[in-house]
C-alpha cells in the first residue's frame, strides 16, 4: 500500500506540477525558436 498521508499527497502533487511546468517551459522555448527561425527566413526573402 502506498503512503496516503496529506503531506505525502501534497509532495507528490508538487513534484508532478514541477515536472509539468518544466515540460511546458521546454515546449515554449522550442516554439519561440521555431518562430524566430521563420521570422529570419521571411526577412531574408524580403531582401
C-alpha atoms as a PDB file:
ATOM      1  CA  UNK A   1       0.000   0.000   0.000  1.00  0.00           C
ATOM      2  CA  UNK A   2       1.189   3.493  -0.774  1.00  0.00           C
ATOM      3  CA  UNK A   3       1.509   6.336   1.679  1.00  0.00           C
ATOM      4  CA  UNK A   4      -1.684   8.415   1.614  1.00  0.00           C
ATOM      5  CA  UNK A   5      -0.836  10.946   4.296  1.00  0.00           C
ATOM      6  CA  UNK A   6      -1.729  14.555   3.395  1.00  0.00           C
ATOM      7  CA  UNK A   7       1.946  15.533   3.399  1.00  0.00           C
ATOM      8  CA  UNK A   8       2.822  12.713   1.013  1.00  0.00           C
ATOM      9  CA  UNK A   9      -0.043  13.531  -1.324  1.00  0.00           C
ATOM     10  CA  UNK A  10       0.904  17.212  -1.354  1.00  0.00           C
ATOM     11  CA  UNK A  11       4.572  16.402  -2.045  1.00  0.00           C
ATOM     12  CA  UNK A  12       3.648  14.113  -4.921  1.00  0.00           C
ATOM     13  CA  UNK A  13       1.345  16.766  -6.411  1.00  0.00           C
ATOM     14  CA  UNK A  14       4.075  19.406  -6.142  1.00  0.00           C
ATOM     15  CA  UNK A  15       6.566  17.140  -7.907  1.00  0.00           C
ATOM     16  CA  UNK A  16       4.065  16.418 -10.665  1.00  0.00           C
ATOM     17  CA  UNK A  17       3.367  20.148 -11.115  1.00  0.00           C
ATOM     18  CA  UNK A  18       7.087  20.940 -11.271  1.00  0.00           C
ATOM     19  CA  UNK A  19       7.632  18.284 -13.930  1.00  0.00           C
ATOM     20  CA  UNK A  20       4.663  19.607 -15.924  1.00  0.00           C
ATOM     21  CA  UNK A  21       5.933  23.202 -15.690  1.00  0.00           C
ATOM     22  CA  UNK A  22       9.386  22.155 -16.889  1.00  0.00           C
ATOM     23  CA  UNK A  23       7.808  20.366 -19.842  1.00  0.00           C
ATOM     24  CA  UNK A  24       5.704  23.421 -20.724  1.00  0.00           C
ATOM     25  CA  UNK A  25       8.730  25.684 -20.491  1.00  0.00           C
ATOM     26  CA  UNK A  26      10.685  23.416 -22.834  1.00  0.00           C
ATOM     27  CA  UNK A  27       7.811  23.386 -25.347  1.00  0.00           C
ATOM     28  CA  UNK A  28       7.523  27.177 -25.213  1.00  0.00           C
ATOM     29  CA  UNK A  29      11.238  27.652 -25.858  1.00  0.00           C
ATOM     30  CA  UNK A  30      11.026  25.289 -28.816  1.00  0.00           C
ATOM     31  CA  UNK A  31       8.085  27.232 -30.243  1.00  0.00           C
ATOM     32  CA  UNK A  32       9.958  30.523 -29.757  1.00  0.00           C
ATOM     33  CA  UNK A  33      12.979  29.118 -31.593  1.00  0.00           C
ATOM     34  CA  UNK A  34      10.790  27.995 -34.485  1.00  0.00           C
ATOM     35  CA  UNK A  35       9.104  31.399 -34.708  1.00  0.00           C
ATOM     36  CA  UNK A  36      12.466  33.156 -34.673  1.00  0.00           C
ATOM     37  CA  UNK A  37      13.686  30.934 -37.493  1.00  0.00           C
ATOM     38  CA  UNK A  38      10.563  31.656 -39.546  1.00  0.00           C
ATOM     39  CA  UNK A  39      10.954  35.387 -38.952  1.00  0.00           C
ATOM     40  CA  UNK A  40      14.586  35.287 -40.106  1.00  0.00           C
ATOM     41  CA  UNK A  41      13.649  33.412 -43.269  1.00  0.00           C
ATOM     42  CA  UNK A  42      10.859  35.867 -44.025  1.00  0.00           C
ATOM     43  CA  UNK A  43      13.219  38.815 -43.514  1.00  0.00           C
ATOM     44  CA  UNK A  44      15.813  37.262 -45.811  1.00  0.00           C
ATOM     45  CA  UNK A  45      13.226  36.692 -48.544  1.00  0.00           C
ATOM     46  CA  UNK A  46      12.268  40.386 -48.482  1.00  0.00           C
ATOM     47  CA  UNK A  47      15.850  41.492 -49.151  1.00  0.00           C
END
